[in-house]
Amino acid sequence: TRSIYVVDELKRESVDGTAIIEESEMEAIDDADDLRDLIMERGED
């Protein structure tokens, strides 16, 4: 499974493959593809 950690303020983009995502970024996601792309950009499959 993939993993993400949602934070108030972005201080780094990933931790050992877990994508770190700012809450405002999460709220702007429109579909599952956007989420997948963000996870792939910051984390690891």
All heavy atoms as atom14 arrays in JSON, in Angstrom:
{
  "sequence": "TRSIYVVDELKRESVDGTAIIEESEMEAIDDADDLRDLIMERGED",
  "atom14_mask": [
    [1, 1, 1, 1, 1, 1, 1, 0, 0, 0, 0, 0, 0, 0],
    [1, 1, 1, 1, 1, 1, 1, 1, 1, 1, 1, 0, 0, 0],
    [1, 1, 1, 1, 1, 1, 0, 0, 0, 0, 0, 0, 0, 0],
    [1, 1, 1, 1, 1, 1, 1, 1, 0, 0, 0, 0, 0, 0],
    [1, 1, 1, 1, 1, 1, 1, 1, 1, 1, 1, 1, 0, 0],
    [1, 1, 1, 1, 1, 1, 1, 0, 0, 0, 0, 0, 0, 0],
    [1, 1, 1, 1, 1, 1, 1, 0, 0, 0, 0, 0, 0, 0],
    [1, 1, 1, 1, 1, 1, 1, 1, 0, 0, 0, 0, 0, 0],
    [1, 1, 1, 1, 1, 1, 1, 1, 1, 0, 0, 0, 0, 0],
    [1, 1, 1, 1, 1, 1, 1, 1, 0, 0, 0, 0, 0, 0],
    [1, 1, 1, 1, 1, 1, 1, 1, 1, 0, 0, 0, 0, 0],
    [1, 1, 1, 1, 1, 1, 1, 1, 1, 1, 1, 0, 0, 0],
    [1, 1, 1, 1, 1, 1, 1, 1, 1, 0, 0, 0, 0, 0],
    [1, 1, 1, 1, 1, 1, 0, 0, 0, 0, 0, 0, 0, 0],
    [1, 1, 1, 1, 1, 1, 1, 0, 0, 0, 0, 0, 0, 0],
    [1, 1, 1, 1, 1, 1, 1, 1, 0, 0, 0, 0, 0, 0],
    [1, 1, 1, 1, 0, 0, 0, 0, 0, 0, 0, 0, 0, 0],
    [1, 1, 1, 1, 1, 1, 1, 0, 0, 0, 0, 0, 0, 0],
    [1, 1, 1, 1, 1, 0, 0, 0, 0, 0, 0, 0, 0, 0],
    [1, 1, 1, 1, 1, 1, 1, 1, 0, 0, 0, 0, 0, 0],
    [1, 1, 1, 1, 1, 1, 1, 1, 0, 0, 0, 0, 0, 0],
    [1, 1, 1, 1, 1, 1, 1, 1, 1, 0, 0, 0, 0, 0],
    [1, 1, 1, 1, 1, 1, 1, 1, 1, 0, 0, 0, 0, 0],
    [1, 1, 1, 1, 1, 1, 0, 0, 0, 0, 0, 0, 0, 0],
    [1, 1, 1, 1, 1, 1, 1, 1, 1, 0, 0, 0, 0, 0],
    [1, 1, 1, 1, 1, 1, 1, 1, 0, 0, 0, 0, 0, 0],
    [1, 1, 1, 1, 1, 1, 1, 1, 1, 0, 0, 0, 0, 0],
    [1, 1, 1, 1, 1, 0, 0, 0, 0, 0, 0, 0, 0, 0],
    [1, 1, 1, 1, 1, 1, 1, 1, 0, 0, 0, 0, 0, 0],
    [1, 1, 1, 1, 1, 1, 1, 1, 0, 0, 0, 0, 0, 0],
    [1, 1, 1, 1, 1, 1, 1, 1, 0, 0, 0, 0, 0, 0],
    [1, 1, 1, 1, 1, 0, 0, 0, 0, 0, 0, 0, 0, 0],
    [1, 1, 1, 1, 1, 1, 1, 1, 0, 0, 0, 0, 0, 0],
    [1, 1, 1, 1, 1, 1, 1, 1, 0, 0, 0, 0, 0, 0],
    [1, 1, 1, 1, 1, 1, 1, 1, 0, 0, 0, 0, 0, 0],
    [1, 1, 1, 1, 1, 1, 1, 1, 1, 1, 1, 0, 0, 0],
    [1, 1, 1, 1, 1, 1, 1, 1, 0, 0, 0, 0, 0, 0],
    [1, 1, 1, 1, 1, 1, 1, 1, 0, 0, 0, 0, 0, 0],
    [1, 1, 1, 1, 1, 1, 1, 1, 0, 0, 0, 0, 0, 0],
    [1, 1, 1, 1, 1, 1, 1, 1, 0, 0, 0, 0, 0, 0],
    [1, 1, 1, 1, 1, 1, 1, 1, 1, 0, 0, 0, 0, 0],
    [1, 1, 1, 1, 1, 1, 1, 1, 1, 1, 1, 0, 0, 0],
    [1, 1, 1, 1, 0, 0, 0, 0, 0, 0, 0, 0, 0, 0],
    [1, 1, 1, 1, 1, 1, 1, 1, 1, 0, 0, 0, 0, 0],
    [1, 1, 1, 1, 1, 1, 1, 1, 0, 0, 0, 0, 0, 0]
  ],
  "atom14_positions": [
    [[0.85, -1.19, 0.0], [0.0, 0.0, 0.0], [0.89, 1.24, 0.0], [2.04, 1.2, 0.45], [-0.9, 0.04, 1.25], [-0.08, -0.02, 2.43], [-1.88, -1.12, 1.28], [0.0, 0.0, 0.0], [0.0, 0.0, 0.0], [0.0, 0.0, 0.0], [0.0, 0.0, 0.0], [0.0, 0.0, 0.0], [0.0, 0.0, 0.0], [0.0, 0.0, 0.0]],
    [[0.35, 2.32, -0.5], [1.05, 3.59, -0.43], [0.71, 4.27, 0.9], [-0.28, 3.95, 1.54], [0.67, 4.49, -1.61], [1.07, 3.91, -2.96], [0.73, 4.87, -4.08], [1.26, 4.41, -5.35], [0.57, 3.73, -6.24], [-0.67, 3.38, -5.98], [1.12, 3.36, -7.38], [0.0, 0.0, 0.0], [0.0, 0.0, 0.0], [0.0, 0.0, 0.0]],
    [[1.54, 5.24, 1.28], [1.27, 5.95, 2.53], [1.55, 7.43, 2.37], [2.48, 7.83, 1.66], [2.12, 5.36, 3.67], [3.51, 5.42, 3.36], [0.0, 0.0, 0.0], [0.0, 0.0, 0.0], [0.0, 0.0, 0.0], [0.0, 0.0, 0.0], [0.0, 0.0, 0.0], [0.0, 0.0, 0.0], [0.0, 0.0, 0.0], [0.0, 0.0, 0.0]],
    [[0.69, 8.23, 3.01], [0.88, 9.68, 3.02], [0.72, 10.19, 4.44], [0.03, 9.57, 5.26], [-0.11, 10.41, 2.09], [-1.55, 10.25, 2.59], [0.01, 9.9, 0.66], [-2.54, 11.12, 1.82], [0.0, 0.0, 0.0], [0.0, 0.0, 0.0], [0.0, 0.0, 0.0], [0.0, 0.0, 0.0], [0.0, 0.0, 0.0], [0.0, 0.0, 0.0]],
    [[1.37, 11.31, 4.71], [1.21, 11.95, 6.01], [0.86, 13.41, 5.75], [1.61, 14.13, 5.08], [2.49, 11.85, 6.84], [2.25, 11.91, 8.32], [2.22, 10.75, 9.08], [2.0, 13.12, 8.95], [1.96, 10.79, 10.44], [1.74, 13.18, 10.31], [1.72, 12.01, 11.06], [1.44, 12.05, 12.4], [0.0, 0.0, 0.0], [0.0, 0.0, 0.0]],
    [[-0.29, 13.83, 6.26], [-0.79, 15.17, 6.01], [-0.4, 16.08, 7.18], [-0.64, 15.73, 8.35], [-2.32, 15.16, 5.82], [-2.85, 16.57, 5.58], [-2.7, 14.25, 4.65], [0.0, 0.0, 0.0], [0.0, 0.0, 0.0], [0.0, 0.0, 0.0], [0.0, 0.0, 0.0], [0.0, 0.0, 0.0], [0.0, 0.0, 0.0], [0.0, 0.0, 0.0]],
    [[0.18, 17.21, 6.84], [0.68, 18.14, 7.87], [0.13, 19.54, 7.6], [-0.31, 19.85, 6.49], [2.22, 18.17, 7.88], [2.79, 16.81, 8.25], [2.78, 18.63, 6.53], [0.0, 0.0, 0.0], [0.0, 0.0, 0.0], [0.0, 0.0, 0.0], [0.0, 0.0, 0.0], [0.0, 0.0, 0.0], [0.0, 0.0, 0.0], [0.0, 0.0, 0.0]],
    [[0.2, 20.39, 8.62], [-0.25, 21.77, 8.45], [0.73, 22.57, 7.61], [0.33, 23.39, 6.78], [-0.42, 22.44, 9.82], [-1.5, 21.78, 10.66], [-2.42, 21.19, 10.05], [-1.42, 21.83, 11.89], [0.0, 0.0, 0.0], [0.0, 0.0, 0.0], [0.0, 0.0, 0.0], [0.0, 0.0, 0.0], [0.0, 0.0, 0.0], [0.0, 0.0, 0.0]],
    [[2.02, 22.33, 7.84], [3.06, 23.09, 7.13], [4.11, 22.13, 6.62], [4.67, 21.33, 7.38], [3.7, 24.11, 8.07], [4.76, 24.97, 7.42], [5.39, 25.95, 8.39], [4.93, 26.03, 9.55], [6.35, 26.64, 7.99], [0.0, 0.0, 0.0], [0.0, 0.0, 0.0], [0.0, 0.0, 0.0], [0.0, 0.0, 0.0], [0.0, 0.0, 0.0]],
    [[4.41, 22.21, 5.32], [5.35, 21.29, 4.69], [6.79, 21.67, 5.04], [7.24, 22.77, 4.75], [5.16, 21.32, 3.17], [5.88, 20.22, 2.37], [5.29, 18.86, 2.69], [5.77, 20.51, 0.88], [0.0, 0.0, 0.0], [0.0, 0.0, 0.0], [0.0, 0.0, 0.0], [0.0, 0.0, 0.0], [0.0, 0.0, 0.0], [0.0, 0.0, 0.0]],
    [[7.5, 20.72, 5.67], [8.91, 20.95, 6.02], [9.84, 20.03, 5.23], [11.02, 20.31, 5.12], [9.11, 20.74, 7.52], [8.35, 21.74, 8.38], [8.59, 21.5, 9.87], [7.83, 22.52, 10.71], [8.04, 22.3, 12.16], [0.0, 0.0, 0.0], [0.0, 0.0, 0.0], [0.0, 0.0, 0.0], [0.0, 0.0, 0.0], [0.0, 0.0, 0.0]],
    [[9.32, 18.93, 4.74], [10.05, 18.03, 3.85], [9.03, 17.26, 3.04], [7.85, 17.22, 3.39], [10.97, 17.1, 4.64], [10.27, 16.25, 5.69], [11.24, 15.5, 6.57], [11.95, 14.47, 5.84], [12.79, 13.6, 6.43], [13.01, 13.67, 7.72], [13.41, 12.69, 5.72], [0.0, 0.0, 0.0], [0.0, 0.0, 0.0], [0.0, 0.0, 0.0]],
    [[9.47, 16.64, 1.96], [8.51, 16.05, 1.02], [8.25, 14.57, 1.24], [7.25, 14.05, 0.75], [8.99, 16.28, -0.42], [8.97, 17.75, -0.81], [9.13, 17.94, -2.31], [9.62, 17.0, -2.97], [8.77, 19.03, -2.81], [0.0, 0.0, 0.0], [0.0, 0.0, 0.0], [0.0, 0.0, 0.0], [0.0, 0.0, 0.0], [0.0, 0.0, 0.0]],
    [[9.13, 13.88, 1.95], [8.89, 12.46, 2.2], [9.7, 11.99, 3.39], [10.69, 12.63, 3.77], [9.23, 11.61, 0.97], [10.62, 11.61, 0.74], [0.0, 0.0, 0.0], [0.0, 0.0, 0.0], [0.0, 0.0, 0.0], [0.0, 0.0, 0.0], [0.0, 0.0, 0.0], [0.0, 0.0, 0.0], [0.0, 0.0, 0.0], [0.0, 0.0, 0.0]],
    [[9.27, 10.87, 3.95], [10.01, 10.19, 5.02], [10.03, 8.71, 4.65], [9.01, 8.02, 4.73], [9.35, 10.38, 6.4], [10.08, 9.53, 7.45], [9.36, 11.84, 6.8], [0.0, 0.0, 0.0], [0.0, 0.0, 0.0], [0.0, 0.0, 0.0], [0.0, 0.0, 0.0], [0.0, 0.0, 0.0], [0.0, 0.0, 0.0], [0.0, 0.0, 0.0]],
    [[11.19, 8.23, 4.21], [11.36, 6.81, 3.87], [10.27, 6.29, 2.94], [9.8, 5.16, 3.09], [11.39, 5.96, 5.14], [12.68, 6.14, 5.91], [13.58, 6.84, 5.4], [12.8, 5.59, 7.01], [0.0, 0.0, 0.0], [0.0, 0.0, 0.0], [0.0, 0.0, 0.0], [0.0, 0.0, 0.0], [0.0, 0.0, 0.0], [0.0, 0.0, 0.0]],
    [[9.82, 7.12, 2.0], [8.81, 6.66, 1.05], [7.41, 7.09, 1.37], [6.52, 6.99, 0.52], [0.0, 0.0, 0.0], [0.0, 0.0, 0.0], [0.0, 0.0, 0.0], [0.0, 0.0, 0.0], [0.0, 0.0, 0.0], [0.0, 0.0, 0.0], [0.0, 0.0, 0.0], [0.0, 0.0, 0.0], [0.0, 0.0, 0.0], [0.0, 0.0, 0.0]],
    [[7.15, 7.56, 2.59], [5.84, 8.12, 2.91], [5.81, 9.56, 2.41], [6.63, 10.38, 2.83], [5.56, 8.09, 4.42], [5.44, 6.74, 4.85], [4.27, 8.83, 4.76], [0.0, 0.0, 0.0], [0.0, 0.0, 0.0], [0.0, 0.0, 0.0], [0.0, 0.0, 0.0], [0.0, 0.0, 0.0], [0.0, 0.0, 0.0], [0.0, 0.0, 0.0]],
    [[4.86, 9.86, 1.53], [4.76, 11.21, 0.98], [4.2, 12.16, 2.04], [3.19, 11.86, 2.69], [3.86, 11.21, -0.25], [0.0, 0.0, 0.0], [0.0, 0.0, 0.0], [0.0, 0.0, 0.0], [0.0, 0.0, 0.0], [0.0, 0.0, 0.0], [0.0, 0.0, 0.0], [0.0, 0.0, 0.0], [0.0, 0.0, 0.0], [0.0, 0.0, 0.0]],
    [[4.87, 13.31, 2.21], [4.39, 14.34, 3.14], [3.63, 15.37, 2.32], [4.16, 15.93, 1.35], [5.55, 15.01, 3.9], [6.45, 13.93, 4.53], [5.0, 15.96, 4.95], [5.76, 13.03, 5.51], [0.0, 0.0, 0.0], [0.0, 0.0, 0.0], [0.0, 0.0, 0.0], [0.0, 0.0, 0.0], [0.0, 0.0, 0.0], [0.0, 0.0, 0.0]],
    [[2.37, 15.61, 2.68], [1.49, 16.48, 1.9], [0.88, 17.54, 2.82], [0.36, 17.2, 3.9], [0.39, 15.67, 1.21], [1.0, 14.62, 0.27], [-0.56, 16.58, 0.43], [-0.02, 13.71, -0.4], [0.0, 0.0, 0.0], [0.0, 0.0, 0.0], [0.0, 0.0, 0.0], [0.0, 0.0, 0.0], [0.0, 0.0, 0.0], [0.0, 0.0, 0.0]],
    [[0.95, 18.76, 2.41], [0.36, 19.85, 3.19], [-1.16, 19.78, 3.07], [-1.7, 19.42, 2.02], [0.88, 21.19, 2.67], [0.75, 22.32, 3.67], [1.57, 23.53, 3.24], [1.02, 24.38, 2.51], [2.76, 23.62, 3.63], [0.0, 0.0, 0.0], [0.0, 0.0, 0.0], [0.0, 0.0, 0.0], [0.0, 0.0, 0.0], [0.0, 0.0, 0.0]],
    [[-1.85, 20.15, 4.14], [-3.31, 20.03, 4.15], [-3.96, 20.83, 3.03], [-4.93, 20.38, 2.41], [-3.86, 20.47, 5.51], [-5.33, 20.19, 5.68], [-5.79, 20.32, 7.12], [-4.96, 20.61, 8.0], [-6.99, 20.12, 7.36], [0.0, 0.0, 0.0], [0.0, 0.0, 0.0], [0.0, 0.0, 0.0], [0.0, 0.0, 0.0], [0.0, 0.0, 0.0]],
    [[-3.41, 22.0, 2.73], [-3.98, 22.82, 1.65], [-3.82, 22.12, 0.3], [-4.68, 22.25, -0.58], [-3.3, 24.19, 1.62], [-1.9, 24.06, 1.41], [0.0, 0.0, 0.0], [0.0, 0.0, 0.0], [0.0, 0.0, 0.0], [0.0, 0.0, 0.0], [0.0, 0.0, 0.0], [0.0, 0.0, 0.0], [0.0, 0.0, 0.0], [0.0, 0.0, 0.0]],
    [[-2.74, 21.35, 0.14], [-2.55, 20.59, -1.1], [-3.59, 19.47, -1.2], [-4.12, 19.21, -2.29], [-1.14, 19.99, -1.14], [-0.02, 20.99, -1.24], [1.34, 20.33, -1.22], [1.64, 19.62, -0.24], [2.11, 20.52, -2.18], [0.0, 0.0, 0.0], [0.0, 0.0, 0.0], [0.0, 0.0, 0.0], [0.0, 0.0, 0.0], [0.0, 0.0, 0.0]],
    [[-3.85, 18.81, -0.1], [-4.87, 17.75, -0.09], [-6.23, 18.31, -0.5], [-6.95, 17.72, -1.31], [-4.97, 17.1, 1.29], [-3.94, 16.06, 1.59], [-4.05, 14.58, 0.52], [-5.66, 13.93, 0.95], [0.0, 0.0, 0.0], [0.0, 0.0, 0.0], [0.0, 0.0, 0.0], [0.0, 0.0, 0.0], [0.0, 0.0, 0.0], [0.0, 0.0, 0.0]],
    [[-6.58, 19.46, 0.05], [-7.9, 20.04, -0.24], [-8.04, 20.44, -1.7], [-9.15, 20.53, -2.22], [-8.13, 21.23, 0.68], [-8.27, 20.84, 2.15], [-8.36, 22.04, 3.08], [-8.14, 23.18, 2.6], [-8.63, 21.83, 4.28], [0.0, 0.0, 0.0], [0.0, 0.0, 0.0], [0.0, 0.0, 0.0], [0.0, 0.0, 0.0], [0.0, 0.0, 0.0]],
    [[-6.9, 20.66, -2.39], [-6.94, 21.07, -3.79], [-6.98, 19.88, -4.75], [-7.14, 20.06, -5.96], [-5.72, 21.95, -4.1], [0.0, 0.0, 0.0], [0.0, 0.0, 0.0], [0.0, 0.0, 0.0], [0.0, 0.0, 0.0], [0.0, 0.0, 0.0], [0.0, 0.0, 0.0], [0.0, 0.0, 0.0], [0.0, 0.0, 0.0], [0.0, 0.0, 0.0]],
    [[-6.85, 18.66, -4.25], [-6.84, 17.47, -5.11], [-8.23, 17.24, -5.68], [-9.23, 17.21, -4.95], [-6.35, 16.24, -4.33], [-4.85, 16.38, -4.02], [-6.61, 14.95, -5.11], [-4.3, 15.3, -3.13], [0.0, 0.0, 0.0], [0.0, 0.0, 0.0], [0.0, 0.0, 0.0], [0.0, 0.0, 0.0], [0.0, 0.0, 0.0], [0.0, 0.0, 0.0]],
    [[-8.3, 17.03, -7.01], [-9.59, 16.89, -7.68], [-9.99, 15.45, -7.97], [-11.18, 15.15, -8.08], [-9.57, 17.67, -9.01], [-9.57, 19.17, -8.8], [-10.18, 19.63, -7.83], [-8.95, 19.88, -9.62], [0.0, 0.0, 0.0], [0.0, 0.0, 0.0], [0.0, 0.0, 0.0], [0.0, 0.0, 0.0], [0.0, 0.0, 0.0], [0.0, 0.0, 0.0]],
    [[-9.01, 14.57, -8.15], [-9.36, 13.18, -8.46], [-8.24, 12.25, -8.01], [-7.18, 12.69, -7.55], [-9.65, 13.0, -9.96], [-8.51, 13.46, -10.85], [-7.33, 13.22, -10.48], [-8.78, 14.06, -11.92], [0.0, 0.0, 0.0], [0.0, 0.0, 0.0], [0.0, 0.0, 0.0], [0.0, 0.0, 0.0], [0.0, 0.0, 0.0], [0.0, 0.0, 0.0]],
    [[-8.5, 10.95, -8.14], [-7.55, 9.93, -7.67], [-6.22, 10.02, -8.42], [-5.17, 9.72, -7.85], [-8.17, 8.54, -7.81], [0.0, 0.0, 0.0], [0.0, 0.0, 0.0], [0.0, 0.0, 0.0], [0.0, 0.0, 0.0], [0.0, 0.0, 0.0], [0.0, 0.0, 0.0], [0.0, 0.0, 0.0], [0.0, 0.0, 0.0], [0.0, 0.0, 0.0]],
    [[-6.26, 10.42, -9.69], [-5.01, 10.54, -10.46], [-4.12, 11.63, -9.88], [-2.89, 11.47, -9.82], [-5.32, 10.85, -11.92], [-5.91, 9.65, -12.66], [-5.75, 8.51, -12.15], [-6.54, 9.85, -13.72], [0.0, 0.0, 0.0], [0.0, 0.0, 0.0], [0.0, 0.0, 0.0], [0.0, 0.0, 0.0], [0.0, 0.0, 0.0], [0.0, 0.0, 0.0]],
    [[-4.71, 12.74, -9.46], [-3.93, 13.82, -8.85], [-3.23, 13.32, -7.58], [-2.06, 13.63, -7.35], [-4.83, 15.01, -8.49], [-5.28, 15.78, -9.72], [-4.71, 15.56, -10.8], [-6.23, 16.59, -9.59], [0.0, 0.0, 0.0], [0.0, 0.0, 0.0], [0.0, 0.0, 0.0], [0.0, 0.0, 0.0], [0.0, 0.0, 0.0], [0.0, 0.0, 0.0]],
    [[-3.97, 12.56, -6.78], [-3.38, 12.02, -5.55], [-2.25, 11.06, -5.88], [-1.17, 11.12, -5.28], [-4.45, 11.32, -4.72], [-3.94, 10.66, -3.43], [-3.36, 11.69, -2.47], [-5.05, 9.86, -2.75], [0.0, 0.0, 0.0], [0.0, 0.0, 0.0], [0.0, 0.0, 0.0], [0.0, 0.0, 0.0], [0.0, 0.0, 0.0], [0.0, 0.0, 0.0]],
    [[-2.48, 10.15, -6.83], [-1.44, 9.19, -7.2], [-0.19, 9.9, -7.7], [0.94, 9.54, -7.33], [-1.97, 8.25, -8.28], [-0.98, 7.13, -8.63], [-1.4, 6.35, -9.85], [-1.42, 7.19, -11.03], [-2.49, 7.38, -11.81], [-3.62, 6.77, -11.52], [-2.44, 8.16, -12.86], [0.0, 0.0, 0.0], [0.0, 0.0, 0.0], [0.0, 0.0, 0.0]],
    [[-0.38, 10.92, -8.54], [0.78, 11.64, -9.08], [1.57, 12.32, -7.97], [2.81, 12.33, -7.99], [0.32, 12.68, -10.11], [-0.23, 12.04, -11.38], [0.02, 10.83, -11.58], [-0.91, 12.74, -12.15], [0.0, 0.0, 0.0], [0.0, 0.0, 0.0], [0.0, 0.0, 0.0], [0.0, 0.0, 0.0], [0.0, 0.0, 0.0], [0.0, 0.0, 0.0]],
    [[0.86, 12.88, -6.99], [1.53, 13.57, -5.9], [2.31, 12.57, -5.04], [3.45, 12.83, -4.62], [0.51, 14.33, -5.05], [1.05, 15.3, -3.99], [2.0, 16.3, -4.61], [-0.1, 15.99, -3.28], [0.0, 0.0, 0.0], [0.0, 0.0, 0.0], [0.0, 0.0, 0.0], [0.0, 0.0, 0.0], [0.0, 0.0, 0.0], [0.0, 0.0, 0.0]],
    [[1.71, 11.42, -4.81], [2.4, 10.38, -4.03], [3.64, 9.89, -4.78], [4.71, 9.73, -4.19], [1.44, 9.21, -3.74], [0.32, 9.65, -2.79], [2.21, 8.04, -3.12], [-0.75, 8.59, -2.59], [0.0, 0.0, 0.0], [0.0, 0.0, 0.0], [0.0, 0.0, 0.0], [0.0, 0.0, 0.0], [0.0, 0.0, 0.0], [0.0, 0.0, 0.0]],
    [[3.51, 9.66, -6.08], [4.63, 9.16, -6.87], [5.75, 10.2, -6.94], [6.93, 9.86, -6.96], [4.16, 8.8, -8.28], [3.19, 7.63, -8.32], [3.97, 6.07, -7.87], [4.95, 5.76, -9.33], [0.0, 0.0, 0.0], [0.0, 0.0, 0.0], [0.0, 0.0, 0.0], [0.0, 0.0, 0.0], [0.0, 0.0, 0.0], [0.0, 0.0, 0.0]],
    [[5.36, 11.47, -6.96], [6.36, 12.54, -7.02], [7.17, 12.63, -5.73], [8.38, 12.84, -5.76], [5.65, 13.87, -7.28], [6.57, 15.08, -7.28], [5.8, 16.38, -7.4], [4.69, 16.38, -8.0], [6.28, 17.4, -6.88], [0.0, 0.0, 0.0], [0.0, 0.0, 0.0], [0.0, 0.0, 0.0], [0.0, 0.0, 0.0], [0.0, 0.0, 0.0]],
    [[6.5, 12.4, -4.61], [7.17, 12.62, -3.32], [7.57, 11.34, -2.6], [8.48, 11.34, -1.79], [6.25, 13.44, -2.4], [6.01, 14.82, -2.95], [5.3, 15.7, -1.98], [5.1, 17.01, -2.58], [4.37, 17.97, -2.05], [3.75, 17.75, -0.89], [4.22, 19.14, -2.66], [0.0, 0.0, 0.0], [0.0, 0.0, 0.0], [0.0, 0.0, 0.0]],
    [[6.86, 10.28, -2.85], [7.17, 9.03, -2.16], [7.7, 8.0, -3.13], [8.22, 8.31, -4.2], [0.0, 0.0, 0.0], [0.0, 0.0, 0.0], [0.0, 0.0, 0.0], [0.0, 0.0, 0.0], [0.0, 0.0, 0.0], [0.0, 0.0, 0.0], [0.0, 0.0, 0.0], [0.0, 0.0, 0.0], [0.0, 0.0, 0.0], [0.0, 0.0, 0.0]],
    [[7.56, 6.75, -2.74], [7.99, 5.64, -3.57], [6.87, 4.63, -3.64], [6.14, 4.43, -2.68], [9.24, 4.97, -2.99], [10.47, 5.86, -3.02], [11.66, 5.15, -2.39], [11.48, 4.41, -1.42], [12.78, 5.35, -2.86], [0.0, 0.0, 0.0], [0.0, 0.0, 0.0], [0.0, 0.0, 0.0], [0.0, 0.0, 0.0], [0.0, 0.0, 0.0]],
    [[6.76, 3.97, -4.79], [5.76, 2.93, -4.98], [6.23, 1.67, -4.27], [7.31, 1.16, -4.58], [5.58, 2.66, -6.48], [4.42, 1.72, -6.76], [3.99, 0.99, -5.85], [3.99, 1.7, -7.91], [0.0, 0.0, 0.0], [0.0, 0.0, 0.0], [0.0, 0.0, 0.0], [0.0, 0.0, 0.0], [0.0, 0.0, 0.0], [0.0, 0.0, 0.0]]
  ]
}
